[in-house]
Amino acid sequence: MNKEQEEKVIKKVKEEMTRVRNNSIVAGMKSALSVVLDMCNKDISDDHKLKEIRVFCEKGLHNGEVK
């Protein structure tokens, strides 16, 4: 493989990795939003819903720890 071919392959690989990363980010966001919506639709008090959502967000942001 010559230098030009190598550069094209590297460019294509980087583009594919970026596409896969972006798709993964979107999938993760959709999953998190789905969980929050499910919490909102529970038949419990609004205060309890907010507490559950807050705990979920804190755990996600702080590697499983509620601060």
PDB file of N, CA and C in Angstrom:
ATOM      1  N   MET A   1       0.843  -1.162   0.000  1.00  0.00           N
ATOM      2  CA  MET A   1       0.000   0.000   0.000  1.00  0.00           C
ATOM      3  C   MET A   1       0.896   1.235   0.000  1.00  0.00           C
ATOM      4  N   ASN A   2       0.568   2.156  -0.884  1.00  0.00           N
ATOM      5  CA  ASN A   2       1.371   3.380  -0.925  1.00  0.00           C
ATOM      6  C   ASN A   2       0.824   4.421   0.062  1.00  0.00           C
ATOM      7  N   LYS A   3       1.520   5.516   0.195  1.00  0.00           N
ATOM      8  CA  LYS A   3       1.186   6.559   1.174  1.00  0.00           C
ATOM      9  C   LYS A   3      -0.218   7.118   0.943  1.00  0.00           C
ATOM     10  N   GLU A   4      -0.575   7.353  -0.304  1.00  0.00           N
ATOM     11  CA  GLU A   4      -1.886   7.908  -0.637  1.00  0.00           C
ATOM     12  C   GLU A   4      -3.011   6.938  -0.243  1.00  0.00           C
ATOM     13  N   GLN A   5      -2.821   5.665  -0.548  1.00  0.00           N
ATOM     14  CA  GLN A   5      -3.820   4.657  -0.187  1.00  0.00           C
ATOM     15  C   GLN A   5      -3.953   4.537   1.328  1.00  0.00           C
ATOM     16  N   GLU A   6      -2.820   4.583   1.994  1.00  0.00           N
ATOM     17  CA  GLU A   6      -2.816   4.498   3.451  1.00  0.00           C
ATOM     18  C   GLU A   6      -3.577   5.667   4.069  1.00  0.00           C
ATOM     19  N   GLU A   7      -3.366   6.866   3.544  1.00  0.00           N
ATOM     20  CA  GLU A   7      -4.058   8.050   4.047  1.00  0.00           C
ATOM     21  C   GLU A   7      -5.562   7.937   3.827  1.00  0.00           C
ATOM     22  N   LYS A   8      -5.975   7.388   2.685  1.00  0.00           N
ATOM     23  CA  LYS A   8      -7.405   7.201   2.406  1.00  0.00           C
ATOM     24  C   LYS A   8      -8.017   6.200   3.368  1.00  0.00           C
ATOM     25  N   VAL A   9      -7.305   5.117   3.633  1.00  0.00           N
ATOM     26  CA  VAL A   9      -7.803   4.096   4.563  1.00  0.00           C
ATOM     27  C   VAL A   9      -7.926   4.689   5.966  1.00  0.00           C
ATOM     28  N   ILE A  10      -6.920   5.409   6.398  1.00  0.00           N
ATOM     29  CA  ILE A  10      -6.938   6.029   7.722  1.00  0.00           C
ATOM     30  C   ILE A  10      -8.105   7.010   7.826  1.00  0.00           C
ATOM     31  N   LYS A  11      -8.323   7.796   6.794  1.00  0.00           N
ATOM     32  CA  LYS A  11      -9.434   8.757   6.790  1.00  0.00           C
ATOM     33  C   LYS A  11     -10.774   8.033   6.909  1.00  0.00           C
ATOM     34  N   LYS A  12     -10.953   6.961   6.146  1.00  0.00           N
ATOM     35  CA  LYS A  12     -12.205   6.196   6.180  1.00  0.00           C
ATOM     36  C   LYS A  12     -12.426   5.563   7.554  1.00  0.00           C
ATOM     37  N   VAL A  13     -11.364   5.030   8.135  1.00  0.00           N
ATOM     38  CA  VAL A  13     -11.470   4.409   9.461  1.00  0.00           C
ATOM     39  C   VAL A  13     -11.873   5.465  10.492  1.00  0.00           C
ATOM     40  N   LYS A  14     -11.256   6.632  10.449  1.00  0.00           N
ATOM     41  CA  LYS A  14     -11.595   7.708  11.388  1.00  0.00           C
ATOM     42  C   LYS A  14     -13.041   8.145  11.221  1.00  0.00           C
ATOM     43  N   GLU A  15     -13.500   8.252   9.975  1.00  0.00           N
ATOM     44  CA  GLU A  15     -14.881   8.641   9.715  1.00  0.00           C
ATOM     45  C   GLU A  15     -15.851   7.602  10.282  1.00  0.00           C
ATOM     46  N   GLU A  16     -15.537   6.333  10.091  1.00  0.00           N
ATOM     47  CA  GLU A  16     -16.400   5.266  10.596  1.00  0.00           C
ATOM     48  C   GLU A  16     -16.404   5.242  12.116  1.00  0.00           C
ATOM     49  N   MET A  17     -15.259   5.438  12.724  1.00  0.00           N
ATOM     50  CA  MET A  17     -15.185   5.461  14.185  1.00  0.00           C
ATOM     51  C   MET A  17     -15.985   6.640  14.747  1.00  0.00           C
ATOM     52  N   THR A  18     -15.922   7.776  14.098  1.00  0.00           N
ATOM     53  CA  THR A  18     -16.695   8.943  14.516  1.00  0.00           C
ATOM     54  C   THR A  18     -18.183   8.671  14.384  1.00  0.00           C
ATOM     55  N   ARG A  19     -18.589   8.048  13.289  1.00  0.00           N
ATOM     56  CA  ARG A  19     -19.996   7.721  13.072  1.00  0.00           C
ATOM     57  C   ARG A  19     -20.497   6.756  14.152  1.00  0.00           C
ATOM     58  N   VAL A  20     -19.720   5.735  14.440  1.00  0.00           N
ATOM     59  CA  VAL A  20     -20.105   4.748  15.453  1.00  0.00           C
ATOM     60  C   VAL A  20     -20.175   5.408  16.825  1.00  0.00           C
ATOM     61  N   ARG A  21     -19.208   6.246  17.156  1.00  0.00           N
ATOM     62  CA  ARG A  21     -19.208   6.952  18.442  1.00  0.00           C
ATOM     63  C   ARG A  21     -20.447   7.834  18.581  1.00  0.00           C
ATOM     64  N   ASN A  22     -20.750   8.586  17.536  1.00  0.00           N
ATOM     65  CA  ASN A  22     -21.916   9.469  17.579  1.00  0.00           C
ATOM     66  C   ASN A  22     -23.210   8.678  17.724  1.00  0.00           C
ATOM     67  N   ASN A  23     -23.315   7.567  17.005  1.00  0.00           N
ATOM     68  CA  ASN A  23     -24.503   6.723  17.130  1.00  0.00           C
ATOM     69  C   ASN A  23     -24.629   6.147  18.536  1.00  0.00           C
ATOM     70  N   SER A  24     -23.515   5.806  19.142  1.00  0.00           N
ATOM     71  CA  SER A  24     -23.520   5.281  20.510  1.00  0.00           C
ATOM     72  C   SER A  24     -23.969   6.350  21.501  1.00  0.00           C
ATOM     73  N   ILE A  25     -23.517   7.558  21.307  1.00  0.00           N
ATOM     74  CA  ILE A  25     -23.927   8.663  22.183  1.00  0.00           C
ATOM     75  C   ILE A  25     -25.431   8.875  22.079  1.00  0.00           C
ATOM     76  N   VAL A  26     -25.948   8.871  20.871  1.00  0.00           N
ATOM     77  CA  VAL A  26     -27.391   9.056  20.666  1.00  0.00           C
ATOM     78  C   VAL A  26     -28.172   7.911  21.308  1.00  0.00           C
ATOM     79  N   ALA A  27     -27.706   6.690  21.137  1.00  0.00           N
ATOM     80  CA  ALA A  27     -28.390   5.538  21.729  1.00  0.00           C
ATOM     81  C   ALA A  27     -28.410   5.644  23.252  1.00  0.00           C
ATOM     82  N   GLY A  28     -27.305   6.057  23.842  1.00  0.00           N
ATOM     83  CA  GLY A  28     -27.244   6.225  25.293  1.00  0.00           C
ATOM     84  C   GLY A  28     -28.179   7.318  25.779  1.00  0.00           C
ATOM     85  N   MET A  29     -28.229   8.417  25.053  1.00  0.00           N
ATOM     86  CA  MET A  29     -29.128   9.509  25.432  1.00  0.00           C
ATOM     87  C   MET A  29     -30.584   9.056  25.344  1.00  0.00           C
ATOM     88  N   LYS A  30     -30.922   8.332  24.288  1.00  0.00           N
ATOM     89  CA  LYS A  30     -32.292   7.845  24.138  1.00  0.00           C
ATOM     90  C   LYS A  30     -32.662   6.893  25.264  1.00  0.00           C
ATOM     91  N   SER A  31     -31.734   6.050  25.668  1.00  0.00           N
ATOM     92  CA  SER A  31     -31.988   5.127  26.775  1.00  0.00           C
ATOM     93  C   SER A  31     -32.248   5.889  28.067  1.00  0.00           C
ATOM     94  N   ALA A  32     -31.416   6.872  28.354  1.00  0.00           N
ATOM     95  CA  ALA A  32     -31.582   7.662  29.574  1.00  0.00           C
ATOM     96  C   ALA A  32     -32.900   8.431  29.548  1.00  0.00           C
ATOM     97  N   LEU A  33     -33.222   9.005  28.414  1.00  0.00           N
ATOM     98  CA  LEU A  33     -34.476   9.755  28.311  1.00  0.00           C
ATOM     99  C   LEU A  33     -35.683   8.842  28.464  1.00  0.00           C
ATOM    100  N   SER A  34     -35.574   7.642  27.946  1.00  0.00           N
ATOM    101  CA  SER A  34     -36.652   6.666  28.087  1.00  0.00           C
ATOM    102  C   SER A  34     -36.879   6.315  29.549  1.00  0.00           C
ATOM    103  N   VAL A  35     -35.799   6.142  30.303  1.00  0.00           N
ATOM    104  CA  VAL A  35     -35.916   5.842  31.731  1.00  0.00           C
ATOM    105  C   VAL A  35     -36.598   6.999  32.456  1.00  0.00           C
ATOM    106  N   VAL A  36     -36.199   8.219  32.153  1.00  0.00           N
ATOM    107  CA  VAL A  36     -36.793   9.385  32.808  1.00  0.00           C
ATOM    108  C   VAL A  36     -38.281   9.489  32.457  1.00  0.00           C
ATOM    109  N   LEU A  37     -38.628   9.274  31.205  1.00  0.00           N
ATOM    110  CA  LEU A  37     -40.043   9.322  30.823  1.00  0.00           C
ATOM    111  C   LEU A  37     -40.849   8.245  31.535  1.00  0.00           C
ATOM    112  N   ASP A  38     -40.286   7.059  31.664  1.00  0.00           N
ATOM    113  CA  ASP A  38     -40.969   5.996  32.406  1.00  0.00           C
ATOM    114  C   ASP A  38     -41.194   6.413  33.859  1.00  0.00           C
ATOM    115  N   MET A  39     -40.213   7.072  34.440  1.00  0.00           N
ATOM    116  CA  MET A  39     -40.367   7.561  35.813  1.00  0.00           C
ATOM    117  C   MET A  39     -41.481   8.605  35.887  1.00  0.00           C
ATOM    118  N   CYS A  40     -41.553   9.464  34.890  1.00  0.00           N
ATOM    119  CA  CYS A  40     -42.585  10.504  34.866  1.00  0.00           C
ATOM    120  C   CYS A  40     -43.979   9.909  34.744  1.00  0.00           C
ATOM    121  N   ASN A  41     -44.089   8.783  34.084  1.00  0.00           N
ATOM    122  CA  ASN A  41     -45.397   8.165  33.851  1.00  0.00           C
ATOM    123  C   ASN A  41     -45.860   7.266  34.991  1.00  0.00           C
ATOM    124  N   LYS A  42     -45.043   7.094  36.024  1.00  0.00           N
ATOM    125  CA  LYS A  42     -45.438   6.278  37.170  1.00  0.00           C
ATOM    126  C   LYS A  42     -46.600   6.944  37.916  1.00  0.00           C
ATOM    127  N   ASP A  43     -47.404   6.114  38.506  1.00  0.00           N
ATOM    128  CA  ASP A  43     -48.561   6.608  39.268  1.00  0.00           C
ATOM    129  C   ASP A  43     -48.151   6.845  40.720  1.00  0.00           C
ATOM    130  N   ILE A  44     -47.260   7.806  40.907  1.00  0.00           N
ATOM    131  CA  ILE A  44     -46.789   8.186  42.237  1.00  0.00           C
ATOM    132  C   ILE A  44     -46.796   9.709  42.318  1.00  0.00           C
ATOM    133  N   SER A  45     -46.566  10.238  43.499  1.00  0.00           N
ATOM    134  CA  SER A  45     -46.600  11.697  43.668  1.00  0.00           C
ATOM    135  C   SER A  45     -45.486  12.365  42.865  1.00  0.00           C
ATOM    136  N   ASP A  46     -45.733  13.606  42.519  1.00  0.00           N
ATOM    137  CA  ASP A  46     -44.726  14.362  41.767  1.00  0.00           C
ATOM    138  C   ASP A  46     -43.426  14.499  42.556  1.00  0.00           C
ATOM    139  N   ASP A  47     -43.533  14.671  43.861  1.00  0.00           N
ATOM    140  CA  ASP A  47     -42.324  14.772  44.694  1.00  0.00           C
ATOM    141  C   ASP A  47     -41.497  13.494  44.610  1.00  0.00           C
ATOM    142  N   HIS A  48     -42.178  12.344  44.649  1.00  0.00           N
ATOM    143  CA  HIS A  48     -41.469  11.068  44.574  1.00  0.00           C
ATOM    144  C   HIS A  48     -40.844  10.893  43.192  1.00  0.00           C
ATOM    145  N   LYS A  49     -41.553  11.308  42.144  1.00  0.00           N
ATOM    146  CA  LYS A  49     -41.011  11.237  40.780  1.00  0.00           C
ATOM    147  C   LYS A  49     -39.731  12.059  40.676  1.00  0.00           C
ATOM    148  N   LEU A  50     -39.785  13.273  41.192  1.00  0.00           N
ATOM    149  CA  LEU A  50     -38.605  14.146  41.134  1.00  0.00           C
ATOM    150  C   LEU A  50     -37.434  13.550  41.894  1.00  0.00           C
ATOM    151  N   LYS A  51     -37.722  12.945  43.046  1.00  0.00           N
ATOM    152  CA  LYS A  51     -36.648  12.327  43.822  1.00  0.00           C
ATOM    153  C   LYS A  51     -36.016  11.182  43.032  1.00  0.00           C
ATOM    154  N   GLU A  52     -36.840  10.325  42.411  1.00  0.00           N
ATOM    155  CA  GLU A  52     -36.315   9.213  41.614  1.00  0.00           C
ATOM    156  C   GLU A  52     -35.476   9.716  40.444  1.00  0.00           C
ATOM    157  N   ILE A  53     -35.968  10.751  39.777  1.00  0.00           N
ATOM    158  CA  ILE A  53     -35.238  11.309  38.627  1.00  0.00           C
ATOM    159  C   ILE A  53     -33.912  11.903  39.090  1.00  0.00           C
ATOM    160  N   ARG A  54     -33.941  12.624  40.214  1.00  0.00           N
ATOM    161  CA  ARG A  54     -32.711  13.218  40.746  1.00  0.00           C
ATOM    162  C   ARG A  54     -31.685  12.136  41.089  1.00  0.00           C
ATOM    163  N   VAL A  55     -32.109  11.066  41.753  1.00  0.00           N
ATOM    164  CA  VAL A  55     -31.204   9.978  42.131  1.00  0.00           C
ATOM    165  C   VAL A  55     -30.639   9.315  40.874  1.00  0.00           C
ATOM    166  N   PHE A  56     -31.490   9.071  39.888  1.00  0.00           N
ATOM    167  CA  PHE A  56     -31.040   8.465  38.633  1.00  0.00           C
ATOM    168  C   PHE A  56     -29.966   9.334  37.972  1.00  0.00           C
ATOM    169  N   CYS A  57     -30.215  10.637  37.898  1.00  0.00           N
ATOM    170  CA  CYS A  57     -29.257  11.547  37.258  1.00  0.00           C
ATOM    171  C   CYS A  57     -27.951  11.624  38.041  1.00  0.00           C
ATOM    172  N   GLU A  58     -28.054  11.707  39.361  1.00  0.00           N
ATOM    173  CA  GLU A  58     -26.847  11.777  40.178  1.00  0.00           C
ATOM    174  C   GLU A  58     -26.011  10.513  40.040  1.00  0.00           C
ATOM    175  N   LYS A  59     -26.668   9.353  40.029  1.00  0.00           N
ATOM    176  CA  LYS A  59     -25.929   8.104  39.854  1.00  0.00           C
ATOM    177  C   LYS A  59     -25.238   8.073  38.499  1.00  0.00           C
ATOM    178  N   GLY A  60     -25.916   8.541  37.471  1.00  0.00           N
ATOM    179  CA  GLY A  60     -25.319   8.561  36.136  1.00  0.00           C
ATOM    180  C   GLY A  60     -24.130   9.499  36.035  1.00  0.00           C
ATOM    181  N   LEU A  61     -24.220  10.607  36.723  1.00  0.00           N
ATOM    182  CA  LEU A  61     -23.152  11.604  36.668  1.00  0.00           C
ATOM    183  C   LEU A  61     -21.989  11.291  37.594  1.00  0.00           C
ATOM    184  N   HIS A  62     -22.254  10.538  38.662  1.00  0.00           N
ATOM    185  CA  HIS A  62     -21.228  10.300  39.669  1.00  0.00           C
ATOM    186  C   HIS A  62     -20.868   8.827  39.820  1.00  0.00           C
ATOM    187  N   ASN A  63     -20.919   8.096  38.703  1.00  0.00           N
ATOM    188  CA  ASN A  63     -20.514   6.682  38.686  1.00  0.00           C
ATOM    189  C   ASN A  63     -21.193   5.835  39.750  1.00  0.00           C
ATOM    190  N   GLY A  64     -22.506   5.959  39.854  1.00  0.00           N
ATOM    191  CA  GLY A  64     -23.269   5.120  40.756  1.00  0.00           C
ATOM    192  C   GLY A  64     -23.431   5.640  42.161  1.00  0.00           C
ATOM    193  N   GLU A  65     -22.831   6.772  42.460  1.00  0.00           N
ATOM    194  CA  GLU A  65     -22.926   7.334  43.807  1.00  0.00           C
ATOM    195  C   GLU A  65     -23.921   8.492  43.823  1.00  0.00           C
ATOM    196  N   VAL A  66     -24.732   8.535  44.871  1.00  0.00           N
ATOM    197  CA  VAL A  66     -25.622   9.669  45.068  1.00  0.00           C
ATOM    198  C   VAL A  66     -24.931  10.616  46.045  1.00  0.00           C
ATOM    199  N   LYS A  67     -24.789  11.863  45.631  1.00  0.00           N
ATOM    200  CA  LYS A  67     -24.080  12.838  46.485  1.00  0.00           C
ATOM    201  C   LYS A  67     -25.063  13.793  47.110  1.00  0.00           C
TER     202      LYS A  67
END
